[in-house]
């Protein structure tokens, strides 16, 4: 019975239940209250506190508790704006449940505007669930995990691509986990890449702790991209509707969806020569088997390598920095079935006005 417990349908609170406070070490937020907290998770070399900003919105009516987190990598900014807008611009007067909004998890890296913790260059998103006696990264992860993730019923963790690349908006989720799959589908992205994620990632370890969690990938580092932020807000609204926190909202359907499951359905195309890259397609483009995806040339343009698609698929991620060494990733391609291809083509025809 215990082995089946993580996938068992959760007994989520409903508006008919009595609302409860949200408690963390050092404080609580009662039903009907909103609190902006700067929670200490570590210390600087000078002994000053490193504080993570947290906004907790506890609705007047009972319902699930959902966390929204961003900037586990300090240079990934799109998710920050998603979490801030949910916390501070949405009307929560009819909220049934609690929102735990964590816009900047990795404060030291955010201040340095780099991906990893400046202290020994550690990856916070490989340090969960943390350890109170471990490395600095694991201690920070432990404080966040124990206080603000484990008390929740589900979660969404926002990311972007690393510097020099960009991702189309998509979800990464363990689709073999029934409760995680429900969250992933409710987010209503076109693409879901299935898998439990590497060990130490926030979504994998939160899910293992009984909090079904998805990752949302969107865009590139070091900038706000308004179109992606708006789409992620729509996806978040859809998840909250699915779980009853926003009963005036509707659960969305993206029009078409592909779930990529298995290494044979996705691949990174890599450079076989060094040089300057010209991408021939944008992220989110449909490319056909054998179609040129990009070219690589030397400074004199006397040598040209043309990289072609090994199968028909969608460009989920593409290069932004046009300089490559042999072996550098160029783009991330996921395979599409014929039915999905036709849906994408119809969508493109409608967008261009030719349908």
Protein backbone atom coordinates (compact mmCIF):
# COMPACT_ATOMS: atom_id res chain seq x y z
CA UNK A 1 0.00 0.00 0.00
CA UNK A 2 2.81 2.42 0.87
CA UNK A 3 4.40 1.94 -2.59
CA UNK A 4 1.15 3.04 -4.23
CA UNK A 5 0.63 6.06 -2.00
CA UNK A 6 2.37 8.72 -4.16
CA UNK A 7 0.02 8.04 -7.09
CA UNK A 8 -3.16 7.68 -5.01
CA UNK A 9 -5.79 10.37 -5.68
CA UNK A 10 -5.18 13.17 -3.16
CA UNK A 11 -7.80 14.22 -0.64
CA UNK A 12 -7.60 17.88 -1.56
CA UNK A 13 -9.37 20.49 0.56
CA UNK A 14 -12.55 21.92 -0.93
CA UNK A 15 -14.46 25.19 -0.34
CA UNK A 16 -16.84 23.20 1.90
CA UNK A 17 -14.01 22.49 4.37
CA UNK A 18 -12.88 24.86 7.07
CA UNK A 19 -9.97 27.05 5.86
CA UNK A 20 -6.69 26.63 7.70
CA UNK A 21 -3.66 28.86 8.29
CA UNK A 22 -0.45 28.36 6.33
CA UNK A 23 2.39 27.90 8.81
CA UNK A 24 6.16 28.02 8.35
CA UNK A 25 9.04 28.27 10.81
CA UNK A 26 8.63 31.66 12.45
CA UNK A 27 5.22 32.64 11.16
CA UNK A 28 1.74 31.86 9.88
CA UNK A 29 -0.76 33.37 7.47
CA UNK A 30 -4.41 33.01 8.44
CA UNK A 31 -7.33 32.56 6.02
CA UNK A 32 -8.21 35.82 4.28
CA UNK A 33 -4.71 37.25 4.80
CA UNK A 34 -1.77 37.98 2.50
CA UNK A 35 1.80 38.21 3.75
CA UNK A 36 4.99 39.38 2.06
CA UNK A 37 7.87 37.63 3.79
CA UNK A 38 11.63 37.82 3.42
CA UNK A 39 12.65 34.43 4.78
CA UNK A 40 16.24 33.82 5.89
CA UNK A 41 17.82 30.78 4.22
CA UNK A 42 21.55 31.45 4.63
CA UNK A 43 24.14 34.12 5.52
CA UNK A 44 26.70 36.19 3.63
CA UNK A 45 30.42 36.34 4.41
CA UNK A 46 29.60 39.31 6.65
CA UNK A 47 27.02 37.34 8.60
CA UNK A 48 24.05 39.19 7.10
CA UNK A 49 20.96 37.16 6.32
CA UNK A 50 20.27 35.91 2.79
CA UNK A 51 16.49 36.25 2.51
CA UNK A 52 14.19 34.66 -0.07
CA UNK A 53 11.10 36.76 -0.96
CA UNK A 54 7.83 34.86 -0.43
CA UNK A 55 4.25 36.04 -0.88
CA UNK A 56 1.60 33.85 0.75
CA UNK A 57 -2.01 34.46 -0.28
CA UNK A 58 -4.41 32.50 1.93
CA UNK A 59 -7.96 32.60 0.60
CA UNK A 60 -10.98 33.03 2.80
CA UNK A 61 -12.28 29.68 1.55
CA UNK A 62 -10.55 26.32 1.86
CA UNK A 63 -8.88 24.69 -1.11
CA UNK A 64 -5.55 23.25 -2.27
CA UNK A 65 -2.23 24.91 -1.50
CA UNK A 66 -0.15 25.59 -4.62
CA UNK A 67 3.42 26.86 -4.83
CA UNK A 68 4.77 28.84 -7.78
CA UNK A 69 8.57 29.13 -7.90
CA UNK A 70 11.10 30.77 -10.19
CA UNK A 71 14.79 31.69 -10.50
CA UNK A 72 16.26 28.53 -9.02
CA UNK A 73 18.85 29.60 -11.58
CA UNK A 74 19.56 33.26 -10.89
CA UNK A 75 19.62 34.48 -14.50
CA UNK A 76 16.25 32.95 -15.49
CA UNK A 77 13.93 35.94 -15.30
CA UNK A 78 10.72 35.16 -17.22
CA UNK A 79 9.28 33.06 -14.40
CA UNK A 80 9.95 35.80 -11.88
CA UNK A 81 7.45 38.06 -13.62
CA UNK A 82 4.88 35.25 -13.85
CA UNK A 83 5.04 34.62 -10.11
CA UNK A 84 5.01 38.33 -9.23
CA UNK A 85 1.96 39.04 -11.37
CA UNK A 86 0.02 36.14 -9.89
CA UNK A 87 0.91 37.30 -6.39
CA UNK A 88 0.40 41.04 -6.74
CA UNK A 89 -1.78 41.80 -9.77
CA UNK A 90 -4.43 39.10 -9.77
CA UNK A 91 -7.68 39.51 -7.84
CA UNK A 92 -7.69 36.87 -5.11
CA UNK A 93 -10.90 37.94 -3.39
CA UNK A 94 -12.61 34.68 -4.39
CA UNK A 95 -9.57 32.40 -3.99
CA UNK A 96 -10.38 28.94 -2.62
CA UNK A 97 -7.07 27.76 -1.25
CA UNK A 98 -3.57 29.14 -0.75
CA UNK A 99 -0.87 30.38 -3.10
CA UNK A 100 2.78 30.26 -2.03
CA UNK A 101 4.64 32.52 -4.45
CA UNK A 102 8.46 32.28 -4.56
CA UNK A 103 9.67 34.57 -7.36
CA UNK A 104 13.41 34.33 -6.60
CA UNK A 105 14.66 31.09 -5.05
CA UNK A 106 18.35 31.61 -5.71
CA UNK A 107 18.94 35.07 -4.27
CA UNK A 108 22.79 35.04 -4.33
CA UNK A 109 22.85 34.01 -8.01
CA UNK A 110 20.09 36.51 -8.83
CA UNK A 111 22.10 39.35 -7.29
CA UNK A 112 25.18 38.25 -9.25
CA UNK A 113 23.02 37.69 -12.38
CA UNK A 114 24.47 34.27 -12.98
CA UNK A 115 23.02 30.78 -13.23
CA UNK A 116 24.59 29.07 -10.21
CA UNK A 117 25.27 30.03 -6.62
CA UNK A 118 28.41 32.18 -6.56
CA UNK A 119 29.63 30.12 -3.60
CA UNK A 120 31.58 27.25 -5.21
CA UNK A 121 29.38 27.58 -8.35
CA UNK A 122 26.82 25.06 -7.10
CA UNK A 123 23.51 24.35 -8.84
CA UNK A 124 20.61 24.98 -6.47
CA UNK A 125 18.37 22.95 -8.78
CA UNK A 126 20.43 19.84 -8.12
CA UNK A 127 20.43 20.33 -4.34
CA UNK A 128 16.86 19.46 -3.28
CA UNK A 129 15.44 18.28 -0.93
CA UNK A 130 18.46 19.70 0.82
CA UNK A 131 20.33 18.90 3.99
CA UNK A 132 20.49 21.07 7.14
CA UNK A 133 24.09 19.90 7.70
CA UNK A 134 25.21 19.86 4.04
CA UNK A 135 26.76 22.32 1.60
CA UNK A 136 25.55 25.91 1.38
CA UNK A 137 23.34 24.98 -1.60
CA UNK A 138 21.81 22.03 0.23
CA UNK A 139 21.12 24.13 3.33
CA UNK A 140 19.32 26.76 1.25
CA UNK A 141 17.35 24.04 -0.54
CA UNK A 142 16.43 22.42 2.78
CA UNK A 143 15.00 25.66 4.18
CA UNK A 144 12.93 26.30 1.08
CA UNK A 145 11.78 22.68 0.66
CA UNK A 146 10.71 22.17 4.28
CA UNK A 147 8.97 25.48 4.82
CA UNK A 148 7.36 26.33 1.48
CA UNK A 149 7.20 23.27 -0.78
CA UNK A 150 6.32 20.27 1.39
CA UNK A 151 3.22 21.96 2.95
CA UNK A 152 1.69 22.32 -0.54
CA UNK A 153 -0.59 20.06 -2.58
CA UNK A 154 1.01 20.76 -5.98
CA UNK A 155 3.53 23.07 -7.59
CA UNK A 156 4.79 24.76 -10.76
CA UNK A 157 8.50 25.58 -11.12
CA UNK A 158 9.37 28.10 -13.87
CA UNK A 159 12.63 28.02 -15.83
CA UNK A 160 14.19 29.35 -19.04
CA UNK A 161 16.93 27.97 -21.23
CA UNK A 162 20.51 28.64 -20.27
CA UNK A 163 22.38 31.65 -21.65
CA UNK A 164 22.85 31.57 -25.43
CA UNK A 165 19.80 29.37 -26.15
CA UNK A 166 16.03 29.84 -26.10
CA UNK A 167 13.12 27.45 -25.49
CA UNK A 168 9.58 27.46 -26.75
CA UNK A 169 7.12 27.29 -23.86
CA UNK A 170 6.70 23.66 -22.82
CA UNK A 171 6.16 21.50 -19.75
CA UNK A 172 8.46 18.84 -18.32
CA UNK A 173 6.72 16.31 -16.11
CA UNK A 174 6.72 12.71 -14.91
CA UNK A 175 3.73 11.56 -16.95
CA UNK A 176 3.84 8.10 -15.34
CA UNK A 177 2.77 9.79 -12.10
CA UNK A 178 -1.01 10.26 -12.26
CA UNK A 179 -1.16 13.38 -10.11
CA UNK A 180 1.78 15.05 -11.89
CA UNK A 181 0.20 14.27 -15.27
CA UNK A 182 -3.00 16.00 -14.17
CA UNK A 183 -1.07 19.17 -13.37
CA UNK A 184 0.89 18.97 -16.63
CA UNK A 185 -2.18 18.57 -18.82
CA UNK A 186 -4.02 21.35 -16.98
CA UNK A 187 -1.21 23.80 -17.83
CA UNK A 188 -2.32 23.43 -21.46
CA UNK A 189 1.02 23.71 -23.27
CA UNK A 190 1.42 22.30 -26.76
CA UNK A 191 4.42 20.17 -25.76
CA UNK A 192 5.01 18.00 -22.69
CA UNK A 193 8.40 16.31 -22.38
CA UNK A 194 7.92 13.27 -20.15
CA UNK A 195 10.42 12.18 -17.50
CA UNK A 196 10.92 12.39 -13.75
CA UNK A 197 13.89 14.76 -14.07
CA UNK A 198 17.43 14.46 -12.72
CA UNK A 199 18.01 13.74 -9.05
CA UNK A 200 18.13 16.85 -6.89
CA UNK A 201 15.83 18.92 -9.09
CA UNK A 202 13.05 20.76 -7.33
CA UNK A 203 10.25 19.10 -9.30
CA UNK A 204 11.54 15.56 -8.83
CA UNK A 205 12.19 15.91 -5.11
CA UNK A 206 8.97 17.81 -4.39
CA UNK A 207 7.02 15.10 -6.22
CA UNK A 208 8.86 12.42 -4.23
CA UNK A 209 7.78 14.26 -1.07
CA UNK A 210 4.11 13.96 -2.13
CA UNK A 211 3.74 17.34 -3.88
CA UNK A 212 3.14 16.71 -7.62
CA UNK A 213 5.22 19.30 -9.45
CA UNK A 214 5.92 20.27 -13.05
CA UNK A 215 8.62 22.37 -14.68
CA UNK A 216 7.66 25.04 -17.21
CA UNK A 217 10.42 26.01 -19.65
CA UNK A 218 10.01 29.34 -21.43
CA UNK A 219 12.36 31.49 -23.46
CA UNK A 220 15.88 32.59 -22.63
CA UNK A 221 17.91 33.91 -19.72
CA UNK A 222 18.56 37.54 -18.77
CA UNK A 223 15.32 39.07 -20.07
CA UNK A 224 11.55 39.39 -19.81
CA UNK A 225 9.68 38.04 -22.86
CA UNK A 226 6.14 39.34 -22.63
CA UNK A 227 4.49 36.88 -25.01
CA UNK A 228 5.84 33.90 -23.07
CA UNK A 229 4.99 35.46 -19.72
CA UNK A 230 1.39 35.97 -20.83
CA UNK A 231 1.11 32.39 -22.06
CA UNK A 232 2.53 31.09 -18.78
CA UNK A 233 0.01 33.19 -16.86
CA UNK A 234 -2.76 31.60 -18.92
CA UNK A 235 -1.36 28.15 -18.12
CA UNK A 236 -1.18 28.95 -14.42
CA UNK A 237 -4.77 30.21 -14.47
CA UNK A 238 -5.81 26.94 -16.11
CA UNK A 239 -4.08 24.84 -13.42
CA UNK A 240 -5.75 26.82 -10.64
CA UNK A 241 -9.11 26.31 -12.36
CA UNK A 242 -8.48 22.56 -12.68
CA UNK A 243 -7.90 22.27 -8.93
CA UNK A 244 -10.72 24.58 -7.89
CA UNK A 245 -8.76 27.58 -6.61
CA UNK A 246 -10.24 29.90 -9.24
CA UNK A 247 -13.75 28.70 -9.93
CA UNK A 248 -14.55 31.58 -12.28
CA UNK A 249 -11.77 30.48 -14.66
CA UNK A 250 -11.91 27.64 -17.18
CA UNK A 251 -9.44 24.83 -17.75
CA UNK A 252 -7.79 25.49 -21.10
CA UNK A 253 -7.18 23.23 -24.12
CA UNK A 254 -4.20 24.28 -26.27
CA UNK A 255 -5.73 23.10 -29.57
CA UNK A 256 -3.11 20.38 -30.06
CA UNK A 257 -0.66 18.62 -27.77
CA UNK A 258 2.20 16.18 -28.10
CA UNK A 259 3.69 14.21 -25.22
CA UNK A 260 7.31 13.34 -25.94
CA UNK A 261 8.23 10.11 -24.17
CA UNK A 262 11.48 8.30 -24.88
CA UNK A 263 14.92 9.32 -26.14
CA UNK A 264 14.08 8.22 -29.70
CA UNK A 265 11.43 10.96 -29.85
CA UNK A 266 13.79 13.85 -29.09
CA UNK A 267 17.35 14.81 -29.92
CA UNK A 268 19.85 17.62 -29.64
CA UNK A 269 21.39 18.47 -33.02
CA UNK A 270 25.05 19.32 -32.46
CA UNK A 271 27.70 21.10 -34.48
CA UNK A 272 30.29 18.97 -36.28
CA UNK A 273 32.36 22.03 -37.16
CA UNK A 274 33.32 25.26 -35.47
CA UNK A 275 32.15 28.56 -36.88
CA UNK A 276 29.25 30.99 -37.14
CA UNK A 277 25.70 29.67 -37.16
CA UNK A 278 22.73 30.94 -39.13
CA UNK A 279 19.49 29.47 -37.81
CA UNK A 280 16.93 29.03 -40.59
CA UNK A 281 13.94 28.53 -38.26
CA UNK A 282 12.70 30.05 -35.02
CA UNK A 283 11.88 28.17 -31.83
CA UNK A 284 8.50 26.48 -32.09
CA UNK A 285 8.85 25.89 -35.84
CA UNK A 286 7.79 22.69 -37.58
CA UNK A 287 10.63 21.24 -39.69
CA UNK A 288 10.45 18.30 -42.09
CA UNK A 289 12.81 15.34 -42.26
CA UNK A 290 15.80 16.31 -44.40
CA UNK A 291 14.99 20.03 -44.28
CA UNK A 292 17.92 22.39 -43.53
CA UNK A 293 17.75 23.68 -39.96
CA UNK A 294 20.86 25.85 -39.89
CA UNK A 295 24.23 26.42 -41.53
CA UNK A 296 27.72 26.77 -40.03
CA UNK A 297 30.36 28.77 -41.89
CA UNK A 298 33.95 29.86 -41.32
CA UNK A 299 34.87 33.60 -41.26
CA UNK A 300 35.41 33.60 -45.07
CA UNK A 301 32.21 31.67 -45.84
CA UNK A 302 34.33 29.32 -47.94
CA UNK A 303 33.25 26.24 -45.99
CA UNK A 304 29.60 25.61 -45.23
CA UNK A 305 28.08 22.81 -43.15
CA UNK A 306 24.32 22.42 -43.53
CA UNK A 307 22.56 20.74 -40.61
CA UNK A 308 19.34 18.95 -41.56
CA UNK A 309 16.47 17.53 -39.53
CA UNK A 310 16.81 13.76 -38.96
CA UNK A 311 13.03 13.46 -38.61
CA UNK A 312 9.94 15.67 -38.84
CA UNK A 313 9.47 17.52 -35.60
CA UNK A 314 9.18 20.70 -33.57
CA UNK A 315 12.13 22.91 -32.62
CA UNK A 316 11.63 23.15 -28.85
CA UNK A 317 14.94 24.92 -28.27
CA UNK A 318 17.32 26.79 -30.58
CA UNK A 319 20.67 28.53 -30.40
CA UNK A 320 20.77 32.28 -29.74
CA UNK A 321 24.54 32.75 -29.55
CA UNK A 322 25.72 32.11 -33.15
CA UNK A 323 29.26 30.97 -32.24
CA UNK A 324 29.95 27.24 -31.83
CA UNK A 325 32.70 24.71 -31.29
CA UNK A 326 32.32 21.16 -32.59
CA UNK A 327 29.93 19.35 -30.28
CA UNK A 328 28.02 22.44 -29.16
CA UNK A 329 24.21 22.08 -29.16
CA UNK A 330 22.37 23.82 -31.98
CA UNK A 331 18.72 22.97 -31.37
CA UNK A 332 16.43 20.56 -29.55
CA UNK A 333 14.08 18.67 -31.89
CA UNK A 334 11.09 16.57 -30.78
CA UNK A 335 9.33 14.12 -33.07
CA UNK A 336 5.72 14.76 -34.11
CA UNK A 337 3.09 12.36 -35.36
CA UNK A 338 1.15 13.05 -38.56
CA UNK A 339 -2.01 14.08 -36.71
CA UNK A 340 -0.10 16.69 -34.68
CA UNK A 341 1.67 17.91 -37.81
CA UNK A 342 -1.67 18.53 -39.52
CA UNK A 343 -2.97 20.39 -36.44
CA UNK A 344 0.09 22.67 -36.45
CA UNK A 345 -0.30 23.31 -40.17
CA UNK A 346 -3.97 24.23 -39.75
CA UNK A 347 -3.07 26.55 -36.90
CA UNK A 348 -0.46 28.26 -39.08
CA UNK A 349 -2.95 28.66 -41.91
CA UNK A 350 -5.48 30.30 -39.60
CA UNK A 351 -2.81 32.63 -38.20
CA UNK A 352 -1.77 33.72 -41.70
CA UNK A 353 -5.38 34.23 -42.80
CA UNK A 354 -5.18 31.67 -45.60
CA UNK A 355 -7.62 29.25 -43.94
